[in-house]
Amino acid sequence: MTTTTQAQTTTVITQDMLVQVKLLRNQIKDMQEQNKRKTAIIVEALENGVPIENGLLRASLREGGRRPKWKEIVKKLKGEGYVNNVISHTKPGPPSLIVG
């Protein structure tokens, strides 16, 4: 078995390597689910006016919206009328949590 981490070359893909990838993917999935739950709790609290503890970090909600670049590109390609039609038939997304 030849493995070089810097050059990413290997002569054999070991079962250990595959297990490590599988475990990392499972950890990522678990962390994404935890993040989704924690974010939902904070978003709900902010929407209900719950104050934020003093400290280094801040949290706020950004209203879900359409991306301005999308609008500019479509306006150039299809015209203002098309853009207005799309906007009138869609709704902005849910608020996003900003933490920093």
PDB file of N, CA and C in Angstrom:
ATOM      1  N   MET A   1       0.845  -1.180   0.000  1.00  0.00           N
ATOM      2  CA  MET A   1       0.000   0.000   0.000  1.00  0.00           C
ATOM      3  C   MET A   1       0.885   1.235   0.000  1.00  0.00           C
ATOM      4  N   THR A   2       0.732   2.076  -1.004  1.00  0.00           N
ATOM      5  CA  THR A   2       1.441   3.347  -1.094  1.00  0.00           C
ATOM      6  C   THR A   2       0.429   4.464  -0.974  1.00  0.00           C
ATOM      7  N   THR A   3       0.629   5.326  -0.001  1.00  0.00           N
ATOM      8  CA  THR A   3      -0.271   6.460   0.175  1.00  0.00           C
ATOM      9  C   THR A   3       0.553   7.708   0.400  1.00  0.00           C
ATOM     10  N   THR A   4       0.284   8.747  -0.347  1.00  0.00           N
ATOM     11  CA  THR A   4       0.923  10.036  -0.169  1.00  0.00           C
ATOM     12  C   THR A   4      -0.180  11.063  -0.001  1.00  0.00           C
ATOM     13  N   THR A   5      -0.250  11.650   1.183  1.00  0.00           N
ATOM     14  CA  THR A   5      -1.361  12.560   1.449  1.00  0.00           C
ATOM     15  C   THR A   5      -1.244  13.859   0.677  1.00  0.00           C
ATOM     16  N   GLN A   6      -0.038  14.419   0.539  1.00  0.00           N
ATOM     17  CA  GLN A   6       0.105  15.701  -0.134  1.00  0.00           C
ATOM     18  C   GLN A   6      -0.215  15.587  -1.618  1.00  0.00           C
ATOM     19  N   ALA A   7       0.264  14.549  -2.272  1.00  0.00           N
ATOM     20  CA  ALA A   7       0.019  14.397  -3.705  1.00  0.00           C
ATOM     21  C   ALA A   7      -1.279  13.653  -3.981  1.00  0.00           C
ATOM     22  N   GLN A   8      -1.906  13.099  -2.947  1.00  0.00           N
ATOM     23  CA  GLN A   8      -3.167  12.373  -3.069  1.00  0.00           C
ATOM     24  C   GLN A   8      -3.051  11.169  -4.003  1.00  0.00           C
ATOM     25  N   THR A   9      -1.908  10.480  -3.990  1.00  0.00           N
ATOM     26  CA  THR A   9      -1.751   9.280  -4.801  1.00  0.00           C
ATOM     27  C   THR A   9      -1.807   8.059  -3.906  1.00  0.00           C
ATOM     28  N   THR A  10      -2.387   6.997  -4.421  1.00  0.00           N
ATOM     29  CA  THR A  10      -2.484   5.752  -3.680  1.00  0.00           C
ATOM     30  C   THR A  10      -2.509   4.602  -4.673  1.00  0.00           C
ATOM     31  N   THR A  11      -1.990   3.481  -4.248  1.00  0.00           N
ATOM     32  CA  THR A  11      -2.031   2.308  -5.118  1.00  0.00           C
ATOM     33  C   THR A  11      -3.178   1.384  -4.750  1.00  0.00           C
ATOM     34  N   VAL A  12      -3.691   1.545  -3.530  1.00  0.00           N
ATOM     35  CA  VAL A  12      -4.815   0.731  -3.063  1.00  0.00           C
ATOM     36  C   VAL A  12      -5.758   1.604  -2.255  1.00  0.00           C
ATOM     37  N   ILE A  13      -7.025   1.521  -2.565  1.00  0.00           N
ATOM     38  CA  ILE A  13      -8.036   2.194  -1.740  1.00  0.00           C
ATOM     39  C   ILE A  13      -8.422   1.201  -0.665  1.00  0.00           C
ATOM     40  N   THR A  14      -8.016   1.517   0.557  1.00  0.00           N
ATOM     41  CA  THR A  14      -8.226   0.567   1.650  1.00  0.00           C
ATOM     42  C   THR A  14      -9.644   0.657   2.203  1.00  0.00           C
ATOM     43  N   GLN A  15     -10.045  -0.408   2.870  1.00  0.00           N
ATOM     44  CA  GLN A  15     -11.336  -0.408   3.542  1.00  0.00           C
ATOM     45  C   GLN A  15     -11.369   0.663   4.624  1.00  0.00           C
ATOM     46  N   ASP A  16     -10.218   0.886   5.269  1.00  0.00           N
ATOM     47  CA  ASP A  16     -10.141   1.927   6.292  1.00  0.00           C
ATOM     48  C   ASP A  16     -10.430   3.302   5.699  1.00  0.00           C
ATOM     49  N   MET A  17      -9.908   3.577   4.520  1.00  0.00           N
ATOM     50  CA  MET A  17     -10.177   4.851   3.861  1.00  0.00           C
ATOM     51  C   MET A  17     -11.664   5.004   3.578  1.00  0.00           C
ATOM     52  N   LEU A  18     -12.285   3.945   3.085  1.00  0.00           N
ATOM     53  CA  LEU A  18     -13.716   3.979   2.785  1.00  0.00           C
ATOM     54  C   LEU A  18     -14.540   4.167   4.044  1.00  0.00           C
ATOM     55  N   VAL A  19     -14.147   3.488   5.118  1.00  0.00           N
ATOM     56  CA  VAL A  19     -14.854   3.632   6.398  1.00  0.00           C
ATOM     57  C   VAL A  19     -14.738   5.063   6.898  1.00  0.00           C
ATOM     58  N   GLN A  20     -13.548   5.663   6.764  1.00  0.00           N
ATOM     59  CA  GLN A  20     -13.358   7.042   7.206  1.00  0.00           C
ATOM     60  C   GLN A  20     -14.276   8.002   6.441  1.00  0.00           C
ATOM     61  N   VAL A  21     -14.385   7.800   5.138  1.00  0.00           N
ATOM     62  CA  VAL A  21     -15.267   8.653   4.336  1.00  0.00           C
ATOM     63  C   VAL A  21     -16.713   8.479   4.781  1.00  0.00           C
ATOM     64  N   LYS A  22     -17.130   7.239   4.988  1.00  0.00           N
ATOM     65  CA  LYS A  22     -18.505   6.959   5.422  1.00  0.00           C
ATOM     66  C   LYS A  22     -18.779   7.609   6.775  1.00  0.00           C
ATOM     67  N   LEU A  23     -17.845   7.478   7.710  1.00  0.00           N
ATOM     68  CA  LEU A  23     -18.023   8.077   9.033  1.00  0.00           C
ATOM     69  C   LEU A  23     -18.092   9.608   8.949  1.00  0.00           C
ATOM     70  N   LEU A  24     -17.224  10.200   8.143  1.00  0.00           N
ATOM     71  CA  LEU A  24     -17.251  11.651   7.981  1.00  0.00           C
ATOM     72  C   LEU A  24     -18.569  12.120   7.386  1.00  0.00           C
ATOM     73  N   ARG A  25     -19.062  11.399   6.396  1.00  0.00           N
ATOM     74  CA  ARG A  25     -20.357  11.769   5.802  1.00  0.00           C
ATOM     75  C   ARG A  25     -21.476  11.677   6.821  1.00  0.00           C
ATOM     76  N   ASN A  26     -21.434  10.649   7.661  1.00  0.00           N
ATOM     77  CA  ASN A  26     -22.458  10.510   8.706  1.00  0.00           C
ATOM     78  C   ASN A  26     -22.367  11.656   9.706  1.00  0.00           C
ATOM     79  N   GLN A  27     -21.134  12.036  10.069  1.00  0.00           N
ATOM     80  CA  GLN A  27     -20.955  13.150  11.001  1.00  0.00           C
ATOM     81  C   GLN A  27     -21.477  14.454  10.398  1.00  0.00           C
ATOM     82  N   ILE A  28     -21.191  14.668   9.129  1.00  0.00           N
ATOM     83  CA  ILE A  28     -21.672  15.880   8.457  1.00  0.00           C
ATOM     84  C   ILE A  28     -23.195  15.915   8.462  1.00  0.00           C
ATOM     85  N   LYS A  29     -23.808  14.782   8.136  1.00  0.00           N
ATOM     86  CA  LYS A  29     -25.272  14.718   8.114  1.00  0.00           C
ATOM     87  C   LYS A  29     -25.844  15.020   9.498  1.00  0.00           C
ATOM     88  N   ASP A  30     -25.263  14.407  10.530  1.00  0.00           N
ATOM     89  CA  ASP A  30     -25.730  14.651  11.901  1.00  0.00           C
ATOM     90  C   ASP A  30     -25.567  16.117  12.284  1.00  0.00           C
ATOM     91  N   MET A  31     -24.437  16.718  11.931  1.00  0.00           N
ATOM     92  CA  MET A  31     -24.200  18.118  12.275  1.00  0.00           C
ATOM     93  C   MET A  31     -25.149  19.042  11.517  1.00  0.00           C
ATOM     94  N   GLN A  32     -25.448  18.723  10.268  1.00  0.00           N
ATOM     95  CA  GLN A  32     -26.395  19.538   9.504  1.00  0.00           C
ATOM     96  C   GLN A  32     -27.779  19.482  10.137  1.00  0.00           C
ATOM     97  N   GLU A  33     -28.188  18.298  10.607  1.00  0.00           N
ATOM     98  CA  GLU A  33     -29.491  18.167  11.264  1.00  0.00           C
ATOM     99  C   GLU A  33     -29.512  18.939  12.576  1.00  0.00           C
ATOM    100  N   GLN A  34     -28.423  18.863  13.351  1.00  0.00           N
ATOM    101  CA  GLN A  34     -28.335  19.621  14.597  1.00  0.00           C
ATOM    102  C   GLN A  34     -28.402  21.119  14.315  1.00  0.00           C
ATOM    103  N   ASN A  35     -27.672  21.561  13.295  1.00  0.00           N
ATOM    104  CA  ASN A  35     -27.672  22.974  12.932  1.00  0.00           C
ATOM    105  C   ASN A  35     -29.071  23.425  12.529  1.00  0.00           C
ATOM    106  N   LYS A  36     -29.766  22.606  11.765  1.00  0.00           N
ATOM    107  CA  LYS A  36     -31.119  22.957  11.323  1.00  0.00           C
ATOM    108  C   LYS A  36     -32.053  23.117  12.528  1.00  0.00           C
ATOM    109  N   ARG A  37     -31.951  22.196  13.494  1.00  0.00           N
ATOM    110  CA  ARG A  37     -32.800  22.276  14.692  1.00  0.00           C
ATOM    111  C   ARG A  37     -32.472  23.515  15.524  1.00  0.00           C
ATOM    112  N   LYS A  38     -31.185  23.746  15.762  1.00  0.00           N
ATOM    113  CA  LYS A  38     -30.774  24.901  16.579  1.00  0.00           C
ATOM    114  C   LYS A  38     -31.160  26.212  15.891  1.00  0.00           C
ATOM    115  N   THR A  39     -30.969  26.273  14.582  1.00  0.00           N
ATOM    116  CA  THR A  39     -31.323  27.476  13.833  1.00  0.00           C
ATOM    117  C   THR A  39     -32.816  27.748  13.923  1.00  0.00           C
ATOM    118  N   ALA A  40     -33.628  26.709  13.790  1.00  0.00           N
ATOM    119  CA  ALA A  40     -35.085  26.876  13.870  1.00  0.00           C
ATOM    120  C   ALA A  40     -35.493  27.433  15.235  1.00  0.00           C
ATOM    121  N   ILE A  41     -34.849  26.961  16.288  1.00  0.00           N
ATOM    122  CA  ILE A  41     -35.149  27.441  17.641  1.00  0.00           C
ATOM    123  C   ILE A  41     -34.814  28.929  17.753  1.00  0.00           C
ATOM    124  N   ILE A  42     -33.641  29.312  17.247  1.00  0.00           N
ATOM    125  CA  ILE A  42     -33.215  30.717  17.338  1.00  0.00           C
ATOM    126  C   ILE A  42     -34.096  31.609  16.475  1.00  0.00           C
ATOM    127  N   VAL A  43     -34.424  31.165  15.266  1.00  0.00           N
ATOM    128  CA  VAL A  43     -35.287  31.957  14.381  1.00  0.00           C
ATOM    129  C   VAL A  43     -36.638  32.196  15.043  1.00  0.00           C
ATOM    130  N   GLU A  44     -37.219  31.152  15.599  1.00  0.00           N
ATOM    131  CA  GLU A  44     -38.520  31.292  16.264  1.00  0.00           C
ATOM    132  C   GLU A  44     -38.424  32.269  17.441  1.00  0.00           C
ATOM    133  N   ALA A  45     -37.341  32.156  18.216  1.00  0.00           N
ATOM    134  CA  ALA A  45     -37.166  33.051  19.362  1.00  0.00           C
ATOM    135  C   ALA A  45     -37.023  34.505  18.896  1.00  0.00           C
ATOM    136  N   LEU A  46     -36.228  34.736  17.848  1.00  0.00           N
ATOM    137  CA  LEU A  46     -36.065  36.102  17.336  1.00  0.00           C
ATOM    138  C   LEU A  46     -37.383  36.650  16.808  1.00  0.00           C
ATOM    139  N   GLU A  47     -38.145  35.824  16.128  1.00  0.00           N
ATOM    140  CA  GLU A  47     -39.446  36.262  15.613  1.00  0.00           C
ATOM    141  C   GLU A  47     -40.407  36.623  16.737  1.00  0.00           C
ATOM    142  N   ASN A  48     -40.226  35.986  17.897  1.00  0.00           N
ATOM    143  CA  ASN A  48     -41.091  36.264  19.051  1.00  0.00           C
ATOM    144  C   ASN A  48     -40.527  37.355  19.953  1.00  0.00           C
ATOM    145  N   GLY A  49     -39.424  37.992  19.519  1.00  0.00           N
ATOM    146  CA  GLY A  49     -38.881  39.124  20.281  1.00  0.00           C
ATOM    147  C   GLY A  49     -38.024  38.758  21.465  1.00  0.00           C
ATOM    148  N   VAL A  50     -37.555  37.540  21.544  1.00  0.00           N
ATOM    149  CA  VAL A  50     -36.707  37.126  22.659  1.00  0.00           C
ATOM    150  C   VAL A  50     -35.368  37.856  22.552  1.00  0.00           C
ATOM    151  N   PRO A  51     -34.900  38.466  23.658  1.00  0.00           N
ATOM    152  CA  PRO A  51     -33.633  39.206  23.600  1.00  0.00           C
ATOM    153  C   PRO A  51     -32.430  38.272  23.489  1.00  0.00           C
ATOM    154  N   ILE A  52     -31.338  38.823  22.989  1.00  0.00           N
ATOM    155  CA  ILE A  52     -30.091  38.079  22.827  1.00  0.00           C
ATOM    156  C   ILE A  52     -29.161  38.454  23.969  1.00  0.00           C
ATOM    157  N   GLU A  53     -28.552  37.465  24.572  1.00  0.00           N
ATOM    158  CA  GLU A  53     -27.601  37.693  25.651  1.00  0.00           C
ATOM    159  C   GLU A  53     -26.450  38.569  25.147  1.00  0.00           C
ATOM    160  N   ASN A  54     -25.986  39.505  26.002  1.00  0.00           N
ATOM    161  CA  ASN A  54     -24.843  40.340  25.643  1.00  0.00           C
ATOM    162  C   ASN A  54     -23.608  39.482  25.464  1.00  0.00           C
ATOM    163  N   GLY A  55     -22.772  39.855  24.514  1.00  0.00           N
ATOM    164  CA  GLY A  55     -21.542  39.109  24.266  1.00  0.00           C
ATOM    165  C   GLY A  55     -20.961  39.480  22.915  1.00  0.00           C
ATOM    166  N   LEU A  56     -20.050  38.676  22.438  1.00  0.00           N
ATOM    167  CA  LEU A  56     -19.350  38.959  21.192  1.00  0.00           C
ATOM    168  C   LEU A  56     -20.216  38.746  19.957  1.00  0.00           C
ATOM    169  N   LEU A  57     -21.097  37.775  19.997  1.00  0.00           N
ATOM    170  CA  LEU A  57     -21.886  37.422  18.826  1.00  0.00           C
ATOM    171  C   LEU A  57     -23.234  38.129  18.816  1.00  0.00           C
ATOM    172  N   ARG A  58     -23.710  38.389  17.643  1.00  0.00           N
ATOM    173  CA  ARG A  58     -25.026  38.975  17.426  1.00  0.00           C
ATOM    174  C   ARG A  58     -25.816  38.053  16.518  1.00  0.00           C
ATOM    175  N   ALA A  59     -27.111  38.165  16.550  1.00  0.00           N
ATOM    176  CA  ALA A  59     -27.969  37.391  15.654  1.00  0.00           C
ATOM    177  C   ALA A  59     -29.085  38.291  15.156  1.00  0.00           C
ATOM    178  N   SER A  60     -29.444  38.110  13.911  1.00  0.00           N
ATOM    179  CA  SER A  60     -30.546  38.866  13.333  1.00  0.00           C
ATOM    180  C   SER A  60     -31.173  38.033  12.225  1.00  0.00           C
ATOM    181  N   LEU A  61     -32.349  38.469  11.811  1.00  0.00           N
ATOM    182  CA  LEU A  61     -33.035  37.797  10.723  1.00  0.00           C
ATOM    183  C   LEU A  61     -32.963  38.664   9.485  1.00  0.00           C
ATOM    184  N   ARG A  62     -32.681  38.036   8.380  1.00  0.00           N
ATOM    185  CA  ARG A  62     -32.723  38.719   7.094  1.00  0.00           C
ATOM    186  C   ARG A  62     -33.914  38.145   6.361  1.00  0.00           C
ATOM    187  N   GLU A  63     -34.794  39.027   5.953  1.00  0.00           N
ATOM    188  CA  GLU A  63     -35.982  38.568   5.243  1.00  0.00           C
ATOM    189  C   GLU A  63     -35.579  37.841   3.979  1.00  0.00           C
ATOM    190  N   GLY A  64     -36.258  36.731   3.726  1.00  0.00           N
ATOM    191  CA  GLY A  64     -35.993  35.987   2.503  1.00  0.00           C
ATOM    192  C   GLY A  64     -36.324  36.843   1.312  1.00  0.00           C
ATOM    193  N   GLY A  65     -35.507  36.790   0.325  1.00  0.00           N
ATOM    194  CA  GLY A  65     -35.742  37.640  -0.832  1.00  0.00           C
ATOM    195  C   GLY A  65     -35.217  36.999  -2.097  1.00  0.00           C
ATOM    196  N   ARG A  66     -35.463  37.689  -3.156  1.00  0.00           N
ATOM    197  CA  ARG A  66     -34.970  37.225  -4.446  1.00  0.00           C
ATOM    198  C   ARG A  66     -33.587  37.815  -4.664  1.00  0.00           C
ATOM    199  N   ARG A  67     -32.764  37.106  -5.357  1.00  0.00           N
ATOM    200  CA  ARG A  67     -31.409  37.589  -5.599  1.00  0.00           C
ATOM    201  C   ARG A  67     -31.424  38.686  -6.663  1.00  0.00           C
ATOM    202  N   PRO A  68     -30.857  39.851  -6.356  1.00  0.00           N
ATOM    203  CA  PRO A  68     -30.844  40.951  -7.317  1.00  0.00           C
ATOM    204  C   PRO A  68     -30.127  40.592  -8.612  1.00  0.00           C
ATOM    205  N   LYS A  69     -29.057  39.808  -8.549  1.00  0.00           N
ATOM    206  CA  LYS A  69     -28.332  39.453  -9.763  1.00  0.00           C
ATOM    207  C   LYS A  69     -29.230  38.669 -10.707  1.00  0.00           C
ATOM    208  N   TRP A  70     -30.058  37.792 -10.162  1.00  0.00           N
ATOM    209  CA  TRP A  70     -30.997  37.032 -10.990  1.00  0.00           C
ATOM    210  C   TRP A  70     -31.891  37.992 -11.762  1.00  0.00           C
ATOM    211  N   LYS A  71     -32.405  38.968 -11.039  1.00  0.00           N
ATOM    212  CA  LYS A  71     -33.324  39.932 -11.651  1.00  0.00           C
ATOM    213  C   LYS A  71     -32.633  40.711 -12.768  1.00  0.00           C
ATOM    214  N   GLU A  72     -31.416  41.150 -12.520  1.00  0.00           N
ATOM    215  CA  GLU A  72     -30.681  41.924 -13.521  1.00  0.00           C
ATOM    216  C   GLU A  72     -30.412  41.100 -14.780  1.00  0.00           C
ATOM    217  N   ILE A  73     -30.007  39.863 -14.597  1.00  0.00           N
ATOM    218  CA  ILE A  73     -29.692  39.007 -15.743  1.00  0.00           C
ATOM    219  C   ILE A  73     -30.942  38.719 -16.570  1.00  0.00           C
ATOM    220  N   VAL A  74     -32.031  38.364 -15.899  1.00  0.00           N
ATOM    221  CA  VAL A  74     -33.269  38.047 -16.618  1.00  0.00           C
ATOM    222  C   VAL A  74     -33.821  39.293 -17.304  1.00  0.00           C
ATOM    223  N   LYS A  75     -33.683  40.430 -16.660  1.00  0.00           N
ATOM    224  CA  LYS A  75     -34.159  41.674 -17.281  1.00  0.00           C
ATOM    225  C   LYS A  75     -33.423  41.924 -18.598  1.00  0.00           C
ATOM    226  N   LYS A  76     -32.124  41.688 -18.607  1.00  0.00           N
ATOM    227  CA  LYS A  76     -31.348  41.878 -19.833  1.00  0.00           C
ATOM    228  C   LYS A  76     -31.754  40.873 -20.903  1.00  0.00           C
ATOM    229  N   LEU A  77     -32.030  39.621 -20.486  1.00  0.00           N
ATOM    230  CA  LEU A  77     -32.342  38.567 -21.451  1.00  0.00           C
ATOM    231  C   LEU A  77     -33.790  38.593 -21.927  1.00  0.00           C
ATOM    232  N   LYS A  78     -34.723  38.814 -21.001  1.00  0.00           N
ATOM    233  CA  LYS A  78     -36.142  38.653 -21.326  1.00  0.00           C
ATOM    234  C   LYS A  78     -36.964  39.930 -21.227  1.00  0.00           C
ATOM    235  N   GLY A  79     -36.430  40.953 -20.591  1.00  0.00           N
ATOM    236  CA  GLY A  79     -37.150  42.206 -20.474  1.00  0.00           C
ATOM    237  C   GLY A  79     -37.837  42.393 -19.136  1.00  0.00           C
ATOM    238  N   GLU A  80     -38.190  43.637 -18.860  1.00  0.00           N
ATOM    239  CA  GLU A  80     -38.808  44.028 -17.584  1.00  0.00           C
ATOM    240  C   GLU A  80     -40.140  43.338 -17.345  1.00  0.00           C
ATOM    241  N   GLY A  81     -40.957  43.184 -18.391  1.00  0.00           N
ATOM    242  CA  GLY A  81     -42.266  42.557 -18.238  1.00  0.00           C
ATOM    243  C   GLY A  81     -42.169  41.128 -17.750  1.00  0.00           C
ATOM    244  N   TYR A  82     -41.219  40.394 -18.267  1.00  0.00           N
ATOM    245  CA  TYR A  82     -41.030  39.004 -17.843  1.00  0.00           C
ATOM    246  C   TYR A  82     -40.630  38.947 -16.372  1.00  0.00           C
ATOM    247  N   VAL A  83     -39.714  39.833 -15.981  1.00  0.00           N
ATOM    248  CA  VAL A  83     -39.264  39.880 -14.592  1.00  0.00           C
ATOM    249  C   VAL A  83     -40.443  40.187 -13.668  1.00  0.00           C
ATOM    250  N   ASN A  84     -41.257  41.173 -14.017  1.00  0.00           N
ATOM    251  CA  ASN A  84     -42.406  41.532 -13.185  1.00  0.00           C
ATOM    252  C   ASN A  84     -43.393  40.381 -13.069  1.00  0.00           C
ATOM    253  N   ASN A  85     -43.581  39.627 -14.157  1.00  0.00           N
ATOM    254  CA  ASN A  85     -44.476  38.474 -14.136  1.00  0.00           C
ATOM    255  C   ASN A  85     -43.953  37.398 -13.189  1.00  0.00           C
ATOM    256  N   VAL A  86     -42.654  37.113 -13.256  1.00  0.00           N
ATOM    257  CA  VAL A  86     -42.060  36.100 -12.372  1.00  0.00           C
ATOM    258  C   VAL A  86     -42.192  36.527 -10.918  1.00  0.00           C
ATOM    259  N   ILE A  87     -41.873  37.772 -10.627  1.00  0.00           N
ATOM    260  CA  ILE A  87     -41.931  38.270  -9.253  1.00  0.00           C
ATOM    261  C   ILE A  87     -43.359  38.246  -8.719  1.00  0.00           C
ATOM    262  N   SER A  88     -44.321  38.571  -9.557  1.00  0.00           N
ATOM    263  CA  SER A  88     -45.710  38.580  -9.085  1.00  0.00           C
ATOM    264  C   SER A  88     -46.241  37.174  -8.811  1.00  0.00           C
ATOM    265  N   HIS A  89     -45.600  36.165  -9.373  1.00  0.00           N
ATOM    266  CA  HIS A  89     -46.059  34.791  -9.175  1.00  0.00           C
ATOM    267  C   HIS A  89     -45.192  33.987  -8.209  1.00  0.00           C
ATOM    268  N   THR A  90     -44.270  34.633  -7.536  1.00  0.00           N
ATOM    269  CA  THR A  90     -43.439  33.950  -6.553  1.00  0.00           C
ATOM    270  C   THR A  90     -43.454  34.715  -5.240  1.00  0.00           C
ATOM    271  N   LYS A  91     -43.080  34.035  -4.174  1.00  0.00           N
ATOM    272  CA  LYS A  91     -43.005  34.652  -2.861  1.00  0.00           C
ATOM    273  C   LYS A  91     -41.567  34.577  -2.370  1.00  0.00           C
ATOM    274  N   PRO A  92     -41.135  35.564  -1.595  1.00  0.00           N
ATOM    275  CA  PRO A  92     -39.796  35.486  -1.006  1.00  0.00           C
ATOM    276  C   PRO A  92     -39.687  34.274  -0.081  1.00  0.00           C
ATOM    277  N   GLY A  93     -38.490  33.773   0.065  1.00  0.00           N
ATOM    278  CA  GLY A  93     -38.258  32.623   0.935  1.00  0.00           C
ATOM    279  C   GLY A  93     -38.374  33.000   2.396  1.00  0.00           C
ATOM    280  N   PRO A  94     -38.204  32.023   3.273  1.00  0.00           N
ATOM    281  CA  PRO A  94     -38.282  32.289   4.716  1.00  0.00           C
ATOM    282  C   PRO A  94     -37.083  33.121   5.163  1.00  0.00           C
ATOM    283  N   PRO A  95     -37.178  33.736   6.348  1.00  0.00           N
ATOM    284  CA  PRO A  95     -36.059  34.539   6.825  1.00  0.00           C
ATOM    285  C   PRO A  95     -34.822  33.685   7.069  1.00  0.00           C
ATOM    286  N   SER A  96     -33.653  34.278   6.873  1.00  0.00           N
ATOM    287  CA  SER A  96     -32.389  33.608   7.125  1.00  0.00           C
ATOM    288  C   SER A  96     -31.790  34.135   8.415  1.00  0.00           C
ATOM    289  N   LEU A  97     -31.180  33.245   9.168  1.00  0.00           N
ATOM    290  CA  LEU A  97     -30.519  33.642  10.424  1.00  0.00           C
ATOM    291  C   LEU A  97     -29.105  34.094  10.112  1.00  0.00           C
ATOM    292  N   ILE A  98     -28.769  35.291  10.559  1.00  0.00           N
ATOM    293  CA  ILE A  98     -27.433  35.836  10.411  1.00  0.00           C
ATOM    294  C   ILE A  98     -26.789  35.859  11.802  1.00  0.00           C
ATOM    295  N   VAL A  99     -25.673  35.174  11.951  1.00  0.00           N
ATOM    296  CA  VAL A  99     -24.952  35.155  13.229  1.00  0.00           C
ATOM    297  C   VAL A  99     -23.536  35.639  12.973  1.00  0.00           C
ATOM    298  N   GLY A 100     -23.122  36.608  13.760  1.00  0.00           N
ATOM    299  CA  GLY A 100     -21.760  37.112  13.563  1.00  0.00           C
ATOM    300  C   GLY A 100     -21.313  37.972  14.687  1.00  0.00           C
TER     301      GLY A 100
END
